[in-house]
Amino acid sequence: MKNVVTLIVFSLIFSCCTKKYTSSEIPEEKITFGSGGGFSGIYSEYVLLKNGQLFEKQQPGNKMIELESITKKQAKTLFEKCEALKLSTMDFKEPDNYSHYIEVTTTDHTNRVTWGKKEDPISGDIKEFFHELKRLPLDNKNTK
């Protein structure tokens, strides 16, 4: 009986733990967002995982560094917003010299929404979501 209780306690503890990923083992499900181009051609790119981990892809070299994580609840809310905006299926590719993008990767596929042209703007809801994502690295600039 004591062994059963111990087993249940350990099962509960480990089921509550969220897997932490390293920059070399990013899972399939993620939101990648960024902007760049222009004269330098450099992009700022970030990757948000469902568990709240946040990574920055630094150029040159595409080195990924881990930033301070957000809570799993915050990440869940952002992934739900992404789903509500239908970003995983939206067909909108209007880049310009300087562009912004949100890329949604699921276990099934990857879809990138890109915008930059003033004459063909993206919806306000998506711009607002993008700005919410872009605030994450500023609020969590401490590296791990």
C-alpha atoms as a PDB file:
ATOM      1  CA  MET A   1       0.000   0.000   0.000  1.00  0.00           C
ATOM      2  CA  LYS A   2       2.837   2.372   0.871  1.00  0.00           C
ATOM      3  CA  ASN A   3       4.452   1.727  -2.524  1.00  0.00           C
ATOM      4  CA  VAL A   4       1.212   2.548  -4.322  1.00  0.00           C
ATOM      5  CA  VAL A   5       0.898   5.885  -2.517  1.00  0.00           C
ATOM      6  CA  THR A   6       4.536   6.705  -3.261  1.00  0.00           C
ATOM      7  CA  LEU A   7       4.019   5.839  -6.922  1.00  0.00           C
ATOM      8  CA  ILE A   8       0.937   8.060  -7.129  1.00  0.00           C
ATOM      9  CA  VAL A   9       2.751  10.987  -5.486  1.00  0.00           C
ATOM     10  CA  PHE A  10       5.703  10.722  -7.887  1.00  0.00           C
ATOM     11  CA  SER A  11       3.346  10.397 -10.851  1.00  0.00           C
ATOM     12  CA  LEU A  12       1.542  13.588  -9.849  1.00  0.00           C
ATOM     13  CA  ILE A  13       4.779  15.484  -9.324  1.00  0.00           C
ATOM     14  CA  PHE A  14       6.253  14.503 -12.671  1.00  0.00           C
ATOM     15  CA  SER A  15       3.004  14.971 -14.605  1.00  0.00           C
ATOM     16  CA  CYS A  16       2.862  18.588 -13.417  1.00  0.00           C
ATOM     17  CA  CYS A  17       6.398  19.331 -14.556  1.00  0.00           C
ATOM     18  CA  THR A  18       6.718  20.984 -17.928  1.00  0.00           C
ATOM     19  CA  LYS A  19       9.502  19.762 -20.191  1.00  0.00           C
ATOM     20  CA  LYS A  20      12.223  22.332 -20.718  1.00  0.00           C
ATOM     21  CA  TYR A  21      13.774  22.464 -24.170  1.00  0.00           C
ATOM     22  CA  THR A  22      17.206  23.563 -25.269  1.00  0.00           C
ATOM     23  CA  SER A  23      17.918  25.653 -28.343  1.00  0.00           C
ATOM     24  CA  SER A  24      18.976  22.495 -30.181  1.00  0.00           C
ATOM     25  CA  GLU A  25      15.731  20.606 -29.463  1.00  0.00           C
ATOM     26  CA  ILE A  26      12.914  23.054 -30.199  1.00  0.00           C
ATOM     27  CA  PRO A  27       9.605  21.146 -30.512  1.00  0.00           C
ATOM     28  CA  GLU A  28       7.411  21.266 -33.603  1.00  0.00           C
ATOM     29  CA  GLU A  29       4.557  23.297 -32.093  1.00  0.00           C
ATOM     30  CA  LYS A  30       5.636  26.910 -31.840  1.00  0.00           C
ATOM     31  CA  ILE A  31       4.980  30.492 -32.855  1.00  0.00           C
ATOM     32  CA  THR A  32       7.872  32.208 -34.611  1.00  0.00           C
ATOM     33  CA  PHE A  33       7.653  35.956 -35.100  1.00  0.00           C
ATOM     34  CA  GLY A  34       9.890  38.732 -36.217  1.00  0.00           C
ATOM     35  CA  SER A  35      10.631  41.586 -38.547  1.00  0.00           C
ATOM     36  CA  GLY A  36      13.459  42.889 -40.608  1.00  0.00           C
ATOM     37  CA  GLY A  37      14.913  43.502 -44.005  1.00  0.00           C
ATOM     38  CA  GLY A  38      15.641  46.980 -45.217  1.00  0.00           C
ATOM     39  CA  PHE A  39      19.166  48.179 -45.873  1.00  0.00           C
ATOM     40  CA  SER A  40      20.829  45.729 -43.497  1.00  0.00           C
ATOM     41  CA  GLY A  41      18.727  42.700 -44.410  1.00  0.00           C
ATOM     42  CA  ILE A  42      18.872  41.623 -40.766  1.00  0.00           C
ATOM     43  CA  TYR A  43      15.849  40.098 -39.083  1.00  0.00           C
ATOM     44  CA  SER A  44      14.939  39.953 -35.393  1.00  0.00           C
ATOM     45  CA  GLU A  45      13.318  36.589 -34.812  1.00  0.00           C
ATOM     46  CA  TYR A  46      11.804  34.993 -31.724  1.00  0.00           C
ATOM     47  CA  VAL A  47      10.319  31.574 -30.998  1.00  0.00           C
ATOM     48  CA  LEU A  48       7.593  31.004 -28.411  1.00  0.00           C
ATOM     49  CA  LEU A  49       6.870  27.478 -27.193  1.00  0.00           C
ATOM     50  CA  LYS A  50       3.655  26.171 -25.649  1.00  0.00           C
ATOM     51  CA  ASN A  51       5.358  25.759 -22.276  1.00  0.00           C
ATOM     52  CA  GLY A  52       6.217  29.488 -22.193  1.00  0.00           C
ATOM     53  CA  GLN A  53       9.874  29.247 -23.151  1.00  0.00           C
ATOM     54  CA  LEU A  54      11.061  32.085 -25.371  1.00  0.00           C
ATOM     55  CA  PHE A  55      14.097  32.003 -27.653  1.00  0.00           C
ATOM     56  CA  GLU A  56      15.796  34.671 -29.746  1.00  0.00           C
ATOM     57  CA  LYS A  57      17.509  33.811 -33.015  1.00  0.00           C
ATOM     58  CA  GLN A  58      20.557  36.035 -33.270  1.00  0.00           C
ATOM     59  CA  GLN A  59      22.148  37.025 -36.549  1.00  0.00           C
ATOM     60  CA  PRO A  60      24.625  36.423 -38.018  1.00  0.00           C
ATOM     61  CA  GLY A  61      24.884  32.706 -37.516  1.00  0.00           C
ATOM     62  CA  ASN A  62      21.297  32.001 -36.433  1.00  0.00           C
ATOM     63  CA  LYS A  63      22.377  31.179 -32.879  1.00  0.00           C
ATOM     64  CA  MET A  64      19.370  30.577 -30.611  1.00  0.00           C
ATOM     65  CA  ILE A  65      19.532  31.932 -27.066  1.00  0.00           C
ATOM     66  CA  GLU A  66      16.933  31.326 -24.395  1.00  0.00           C
ATOM     67  CA  LEU A  67      15.266  34.370 -22.867  1.00  0.00           C
ATOM     68  CA  GLU A  68      13.272  34.549 -19.653  1.00  0.00           C
ATOM     69  CA  SER A  69      10.146  32.408 -20.018  1.00  0.00           C
ATOM     70  CA  ILE A  70       6.560  33.560 -19.676  1.00  0.00           C
ATOM     71  CA  THR A  71       4.057  31.523 -17.698  1.00  0.00           C
ATOM     72  CA  LYS A  72       2.465  28.476 -19.251  1.00  0.00           C
ATOM     73  CA  LYS A  73      -0.911  30.197 -18.797  1.00  0.00           C
ATOM     74  CA  GLN A  74       0.280  33.274 -20.747  1.00  0.00           C
ATOM     75  CA  ALA A  75       1.626  31.026 -23.505  1.00  0.00           C
ATOM     76  CA  LYS A  76      -1.662  29.112 -23.670  1.00  0.00           C
ATOM     77  CA  THR A  77      -3.554  32.403 -24.063  1.00  0.00           C
ATOM     78  CA  LEU A  78      -1.256  33.483 -26.913  1.00  0.00           C
ATOM     79  CA  PHE A  79      -1.595  30.140 -28.705  1.00  0.00           C
ATOM     80  CA  GLU A  80      -5.392  30.383 -28.330  1.00  0.00           C
ATOM     81  CA  LYS A  81      -5.354  33.911 -29.818  1.00  0.00           C
ATOM     82  CA  CYS A  82      -3.242  32.609 -32.670  1.00  0.00           C
ATOM     83  CA  GLU A  83      -5.811  29.893 -33.315  1.00  0.00           C
ATOM     84  CA  ALA A  84      -8.739  32.350 -33.084  1.00  0.00           C
ATOM     85  CA  LEU A  85      -7.041  34.576 -35.688  1.00  0.00           C
ATOM     86  CA  LYS A  86      -6.641  31.496 -37.935  1.00  0.00           C
ATOM     87  CA  LEU A  87      -2.954  32.255 -38.482  1.00  0.00           C
ATOM     88  CA  SER A  88      -2.114  28.602 -39.105  1.00  0.00           C
ATOM     89  CA  THR A  89      -4.226  28.622 -42.287  1.00  0.00           C
ATOM     90  CA  MET A  90      -4.315  32.284 -43.365  1.00  0.00           C
ATOM     91  CA  ASP A  91      -2.886  32.972 -46.803  1.00  0.00           C
ATOM     92  CA  PHE A  92      -1.355  36.448 -46.562  1.00  0.00           C
ATOM     93  CA  LYS A  93       2.075  37.018 -48.027  1.00  0.00           C
ATOM     94  CA  GLU A  94       2.654  40.687 -48.794  1.00  0.00           C
ATOM     95  CA  PRO A  95       6.287  41.375 -47.853  1.00  0.00           C
ATOM     96  CA  ASP A  96       8.014  44.654 -48.550  1.00  0.00           C
ATOM     97  CA  ASN A  97      11.520  46.028 -48.140  1.00  0.00           C
ATOM     98  CA  TYR A  98      10.966  45.870 -44.363  1.00  0.00           C
ATOM     99  CA  SER A  99       8.494  43.171 -43.306  1.00  0.00           C
ATOM    100  CA  HIS A 100       6.889  41.572 -40.280  1.00  0.00           C
ATOM    101  CA  TYR A 101       5.802  37.968 -39.938  1.00  0.00           C
ATOM    102  CA  ILE A 102       4.148  35.422 -37.703  1.00  0.00           C
ATOM    103  CA  GLU A 103       4.842  31.787 -38.468  1.00  0.00           C
ATOM    104  CA  VAL A 104       2.756  29.060 -36.867  1.00  0.00           C
ATOM    105  CA  THR A 105       4.129  25.538 -36.779  1.00  0.00           C
ATOM    106  CA  THR A 106       1.920  22.629 -35.761  1.00  0.00           C
ATOM    107  CA  THR A 107       2.593  18.915 -35.909  1.00  0.00           C
ATOM    108  CA  ASP A 108       0.913  18.938 -39.343  1.00  0.00           C
ATOM    109  CA  HIS A 109       2.254  21.995 -41.140  1.00  0.00           C
ATOM    110  CA  THR A 110       3.867  25.430 -41.043  1.00  0.00           C
ATOM    111  CA  ASN A 111       2.242  28.637 -42.238  1.00  0.00           C
ATOM    112  CA  ARG A 112       3.788  32.090 -42.407  1.00  0.00           C
ATOM    113  CA  VAL A 113       1.819  35.324 -42.599  1.00  0.00           C
ATOM    114  CA  THR A 114       4.004  38.177 -43.890  1.00  0.00           C
ATOM    115  CA  TRP A 115       3.200  41.845 -44.353  1.00  0.00           C
ATOM    116  CA  GLY A 116       4.934  45.137 -44.963  1.00  0.00           C
ATOM    117  CA  LYS A 117       3.249  46.872 -47.877  1.00  0.00           C
ATOM    118  CA  LYS A 118       1.334  49.970 -46.846  1.00  0.00           C
ATOM    119  CA  GLU A 119      -1.070  49.616 -49.761  1.00  0.00           C
ATOM    120  CA  ASP A 120      -2.028  46.074 -48.736  1.00  0.00           C
ATOM    121  CA  PRO A 121      -2.210  46.155 -44.933  1.00  0.00           C
ATOM    122  CA  ILE A 122      -2.828  43.237 -42.606  1.00  0.00           C
ATOM    123  CA  SER A 123      -5.875  43.344 -40.311  1.00  0.00           C
ATOM    124  CA  GLY A 124      -5.687  45.359 -37.113  1.00  0.00           C
ATOM    125  CA  ASP A 125      -6.291  42.264 -34.969  1.00  0.00           C
ATOM    126  CA  ILE A 126      -3.195  40.586 -36.378  1.00  0.00           C
ATOM    127  CA  LYS A 127      -1.089  43.739 -35.977  1.00  0.00           C
ATOM    128  CA  GLU A 128      -2.234  43.978 -32.365  1.00  0.00           C
ATOM    129  CA  PHE A 129      -1.359  40.307 -31.777  1.00  0.00           C
ATOM    130  CA  PHE A 130       2.052  40.846 -33.393  1.00  0.00           C
ATOM    131  CA  HIS A 131       2.763  43.810 -31.094  1.00  0.00           C
ATOM    132  CA  GLU A 132       1.733  41.704 -28.107  1.00  0.00           C
ATOM    133  CA  LEU A 133       4.230  39.038 -29.207  1.00  0.00           C
ATOM    134  CA  LYS A 134       6.957  41.632 -29.841  1.00  0.00           C
ATOM    135  CA  ARG A 135       6.589  42.952 -26.270  1.00  0.00           C
ATOM    136  CA  LEU A 136       7.505  39.521 -24.857  1.00  0.00           C
ATOM    137  CA  PRO A 137      11.255  39.813 -25.548  1.00  0.00           C
ATOM    138  CA  LEU A 138      11.297  43.363 -24.203  1.00  0.00           C
ATOM    139  CA  ASP A 139       9.562  42.309 -21.002  1.00  0.00           C
ATOM    140  CA  ASN A 140      11.722  39.172 -20.732  1.00  0.00           C
ATOM    141  CA  LYS A 141      15.108  40.393 -21.930  1.00  0.00           C
ATOM    142  CA  ASN A 142      17.091  38.508 -19.297  1.00  0.00           C
ATOM    143  CA  THR A 143      18.861  35.581 -20.863  1.00  0.00           C
ATOM    144  CA  LYS A 144      19.092  32.250 -19.128  1.00  0.00           C
END
